[in-house]
């Protein structure tokens, strides 16, 4: 409630931040309103009608949807498990470059995983 008829809502937060039933109703009633969702209220499920909204772009966890990123995540997880089993501390730095699978200039520019690609309204 209180959403503008022509705004853009982006939700990349975790947990039930957006009331998706209300969002679907607002999207259906306001074709100029748009949203981009990386997460869902009841993940992994979506509320009925959400995937059919042409003014919603649904990209579940796209930030990590590449072999490049997921490979780095797996390497970091394996290293932390190994450290734990050996009684050593886990890796706690913000620098993730030691765990990526390739140089940063080789990072993919995009990772297409838009759930409702066929429903999106294109201008």
C-alpha atoms as a PDB file:
ATOM      1  CA  UNK A   1       0.000   0.000   0.000  1.00  0.00           C
ATOM      2  CA  UNK A   2       1.211   3.518  -0.717  1.00  0.00           C
ATOM      3  CA  UNK A   3       3.039   2.516  -3.915  1.00  0.00           C
ATOM      4  CA  UNK A   4       3.118   5.026  -6.721  1.00  0.00           C
ATOM      5  CA  UNK A   5       1.488   4.020 -10.016  1.00  0.00           C
ATOM      6  CA  UNK A   6       4.663   4.501 -12.104  1.00  0.00           C
ATOM      7  CA  UNK A   7       7.535   3.691  -9.733  1.00  0.00           C
ATOM      8  CA  UNK A   8      10.101   0.907  -9.920  1.00  0.00           C
ATOM      9  CA  UNK A   9      10.499  -1.461  -6.959  1.00  0.00           C
ATOM     10  CA  UNK A  10      13.674  -3.540  -6.637  1.00  0.00           C
ATOM     11  CA  UNK A  11      13.806  -6.214  -3.942  1.00  0.00           C
ATOM     12  CA  UNK A  12      17.069  -8.025  -3.257  1.00  0.00           C
ATOM     13  CA  UNK A  13      16.467  -8.345   0.505  1.00  0.00           C
ATOM     14  CA  UNK A  14      16.057 -11.605   2.364  1.00  0.00           C
ATOM     15  CA  UNK A  15      12.858 -12.619   4.069  1.00  0.00           C
ATOM     16  CA  UNK A  16       9.268 -11.409   3.847  1.00  0.00           C
ATOM     17  CA  UNK A  17       9.944  -7.741   3.059  1.00  0.00           C
ATOM     18  CA  UNK A  18       7.403  -7.324   0.248  1.00  0.00           C
ATOM     19  CA  UNK A  19       3.771  -8.441   0.467  1.00  0.00           C
ATOM     20  CA  UNK A  20       3.645 -10.304  -2.854  1.00  0.00           C
ATOM     21  CA  UNK A  21      -0.149 -10.664  -2.927  1.00  0.00           C
ATOM     22  CA  UNK A  22      -0.429  -6.862  -2.727  1.00  0.00           C
ATOM     23  CA  UNK A  23       2.424  -6.501  -5.217  1.00  0.00           C
ATOM     24  CA  UNK A  24       0.694  -8.716  -7.795  1.00  0.00           C
ATOM     25  CA  UNK A  25      -2.532  -6.711  -7.408  1.00  0.00           C
ATOM     26  CA  UNK A  26      -0.603  -3.435  -7.782  1.00  0.00           C
ATOM     27  CA  UNK A  27       1.290  -4.687 -10.839  1.00  0.00           C
ATOM     28  CA  UNK A  28      -1.954  -5.809 -12.478  1.00  0.00           C
ATOM     29  CA  UNK A  29      -3.735  -2.526 -11.739  1.00  0.00           C
ATOM     30  CA  UNK A  30      -0.800  -0.268 -12.682  1.00  0.00           C
ATOM     31  CA  UNK A  31       0.906  -1.301 -15.923  1.00  0.00           C
ATOM     32  CA  UNK A  32       3.446   1.547 -15.630  1.00  0.00           C
ATOM     33  CA  UNK A  33       4.606   0.275 -12.235  1.00  0.00           C
ATOM     34  CA  UNK A  34       7.548  -2.099 -12.531  1.00  0.00           C
ATOM     35  CA  UNK A  35       9.453  -4.373 -10.197  1.00  0.00           C
ATOM     36  CA  UNK A  36      12.617  -6.422 -10.204  1.00  0.00           C
ATOM     37  CA  UNK A  37      12.747  -9.314  -7.742  1.00  0.00           C
ATOM     38  CA  UNK A  38      15.823 -11.300  -6.756  1.00  0.00           C
ATOM     39  CA  UNK A  39      14.053 -12.959  -3.817  1.00  0.00           C
ATOM     40  CA  UNK A  40      10.523 -14.011  -2.928  1.00  0.00           C
ATOM     41  CA  UNK A  41       8.379 -13.714   0.165  1.00  0.00           C
ATOM     42  CA  UNK A  42       8.008 -17.505   0.550  1.00  0.00           C
ATOM     43  CA  UNK A  43      11.080 -18.619  -1.337  1.00  0.00           C
ATOM     44  CA  UNK A  44      11.362 -20.667  -3.457  1.00  0.00           C
ATOM     45  CA  UNK A  45       7.616 -20.289  -4.129  1.00  0.00           C
ATOM     46  CA  UNK A  46       6.079 -17.257  -5.816  1.00  0.00           C
ATOM     47  CA  UNK A  47       2.599 -15.920  -5.208  1.00  0.00           C
ATOM     48  CA  UNK A  48       0.026 -16.779  -7.898  1.00  0.00           C
ATOM     49  CA  UNK A  49       0.071 -14.382 -10.832  1.00  0.00           C
ATOM     50  CA  UNK A  50       3.514 -12.933 -10.185  1.00  0.00           C
ATOM     51  CA  UNK A  51       5.313 -14.774 -13.000  1.00  0.00           C
ATOM     52  CA  UNK A  52       2.614 -13.687 -15.456  1.00  0.00           C
ATOM     53  CA  UNK A  53       2.990  -9.961 -14.759  1.00  0.00           C
ATOM     54  CA  UNK A  54       4.599  -8.356 -17.823  1.00  0.00           C
ATOM     55  CA  UNK A  55       5.875  -5.459 -15.689  1.00  0.00           C
ATOM     56  CA  UNK A  56       7.800  -7.735 -13.279  1.00  0.00           C
ATOM     57  CA  UNK A  57      11.312  -8.984 -13.890  1.00  0.00           C
ATOM     58  CA  UNK A  58      12.059 -12.072 -11.826  1.00  0.00           C
ATOM     59  CA  UNK A  59      15.708 -13.044 -11.502  1.00  0.00           C
ATOM     60  CA  UNK A  60      16.115 -15.344  -8.494  1.00  0.00           C
ATOM     61  CA  UNK A  61      19.595 -14.925  -7.015  1.00  0.00           C
ATOM     62  CA  UNK A  62      21.092 -13.855 -10.316  1.00  0.00           C
ATOM     63  CA  UNK A  63      24.157 -12.381  -8.610  1.00  0.00           C
ATOM     64  CA  UNK A  64      25.516 -15.846  -7.995  1.00  0.00           C
ATOM     65  CA  UNK A  65      24.069 -17.622 -11.020  1.00  0.00           C
ATOM     66  CA  UNK A  66      27.291 -18.271 -12.913  1.00  0.00           C
ATOM     67  CA  UNK A  67      29.817 -21.075 -12.918  1.00  0.00           C
ATOM     68  CA  UNK A  68      32.454 -18.421 -12.177  1.00  0.00           C
ATOM     69  CA  UNK A  69      30.779 -17.272  -8.946  1.00  0.00           C
ATOM     70  CA  UNK A  70      29.434 -20.630  -7.819  1.00  0.00           C
ATOM     71  CA  UNK A  71      32.858 -22.213  -8.370  1.00  0.00           C
ATOM     72  CA  UNK A  72      34.378 -19.627  -6.050  1.00  0.00           C
ATOM     73  CA  UNK A  73      31.655 -20.223  -3.472  1.00  0.00           C
ATOM     74  CA  UNK A  74      32.281 -23.979  -3.566  1.00  0.00           C
ATOM     75  CA  UNK A  75      36.037 -23.489  -3.200  1.00  0.00           C
ATOM     76  CA  UNK A  76      35.565 -21.199  -0.202  1.00  0.00           C
ATOM     77  CA  UNK A  77      33.106 -23.621   1.435  1.00  0.00           C
ATOM     78  CA  UNK A  78      35.467 -26.576   0.917  1.00  0.00           C
ATOM     79  CA  UNK A  79      38.392 -24.606   2.345  1.00  0.00           C
ATOM     80  CA  UNK A  80      36.380 -23.635   5.434  1.00  0.00           C
ATOM     81  CA  UNK A  81      35.255 -27.238   6.003  1.00  0.00           C
ATOM     82  CA  UNK A  82      38.842 -28.439   5.682  1.00  0.00           C
ATOM     83  CA  UNK A  83      40.038 -25.761   8.118  1.00  0.00           C
ATOM     84  CA  UNK A  84      37.302 -26.714  10.621  1.00  0.00           C
ATOM     85  CA  UNK A  85      38.167 -30.411  10.444  1.00  0.00           C
ATOM     86  CA  UNK A  86      41.823 -29.559  11.085  1.00  0.00           C
ATOM     87  CA  UNK A  87      41.000 -27.317  14.057  1.00  0.00           C
ATOM     88  CA  UNK A  88      41.939 -24.168  12.155  1.00  0.00           C
ATOM     89  CA  UNK A  89      39.915 -20.936  11.851  1.00  0.00           C
ATOM     90  CA  UNK A  90      37.768 -20.407   8.789  1.00  0.00           C
ATOM     91  CA  UNK A  91      38.392 -17.707   6.210  1.00  0.00           C
ATOM     92  CA  UNK A  92      36.755 -14.472   7.410  1.00  0.00           C
ATOM     93  CA  UNK A  93      38.149 -11.784   5.116  1.00  0.00           C
ATOM     94  CA  UNK A  94      35.987  -9.674   2.820  1.00  0.00           C
ATOM     95  CA  UNK A  95      38.482 -10.325  -0.018  1.00  0.00           C
ATOM     96  CA  UNK A  96      37.057 -13.148  -2.110  1.00  0.00           C
ATOM     97  CA  UNK A  97      39.582 -12.944  -4.961  1.00  0.00           C
ATOM     98  CA  UNK A  98      41.510 -16.048  -3.791  1.00  0.00           C
ATOM     99  CA  UNK A  99      38.387 -18.155  -4.402  1.00  0.00           C
ATOM    100  CA  UNK A 100      37.204 -17.033  -7.828  1.00  0.00           C
ATOM    101  CA  UNK A 101      37.689 -19.308 -10.814  1.00  0.00           C
ATOM    102  CA  UNK A 102      39.585 -16.964 -13.093  1.00  0.00           C
ATOM    103  CA  UNK A 103      40.692 -13.363 -13.416  1.00  0.00           C
ATOM    104  CA  UNK A 104      38.168 -10.600 -12.804  1.00  0.00           C
ATOM    105  CA  UNK A 105      38.416  -9.412 -16.408  1.00  0.00           C
ATOM    106  CA  UNK A 106      37.077 -12.849 -17.422  1.00  0.00           C
ATOM    107  CA  UNK A 107      33.971 -12.482 -15.232  1.00  0.00           C
ATOM    108  CA  UNK A 108      30.738 -12.965 -17.219  1.00  0.00           C
ATOM    109  CA  UNK A 109      28.988  -9.705 -18.100  1.00  0.00           C
ATOM    110  CA  UNK A 110      25.561 -11.224 -17.541  1.00  0.00           C
ATOM    111  CA  UNK A 111      23.934 -14.389 -16.306  1.00  0.00           C
ATOM    112  CA  UNK A 112      20.564 -14.852 -18.006  1.00  0.00           C
ATOM    113  CA  UNK A 113      18.163 -16.519 -15.605  1.00  0.00           C
ATOM    114  CA  UNK A 114      15.044 -14.405 -15.888  1.00  0.00           C
ATOM    115  CA  UNK A 115      12.162 -16.674 -14.850  1.00  0.00           C
ATOM    116  CA  UNK A 116       9.442 -14.847 -16.749  1.00  0.00           C
ATOM    117  CA  UNK A 117      11.421 -13.707 -19.820  1.00  0.00           C
ATOM    118  CA  UNK A 118       8.492 -14.351 -22.185  1.00  0.00           C
ATOM    119  CA  UNK A 119       6.068 -12.301 -20.052  1.00  0.00           C
ATOM    120  CA  UNK A 120       8.198  -9.153 -19.664  1.00  0.00           C
ATOM    121  CA  UNK A 121       6.833  -6.094 -21.395  1.00  0.00           C
ATOM    122  CA  UNK A 122       9.466  -4.611 -23.657  1.00  0.00           C
ATOM    123  CA  UNK A 123       9.414  -1.036 -24.879  1.00  0.00           C
END
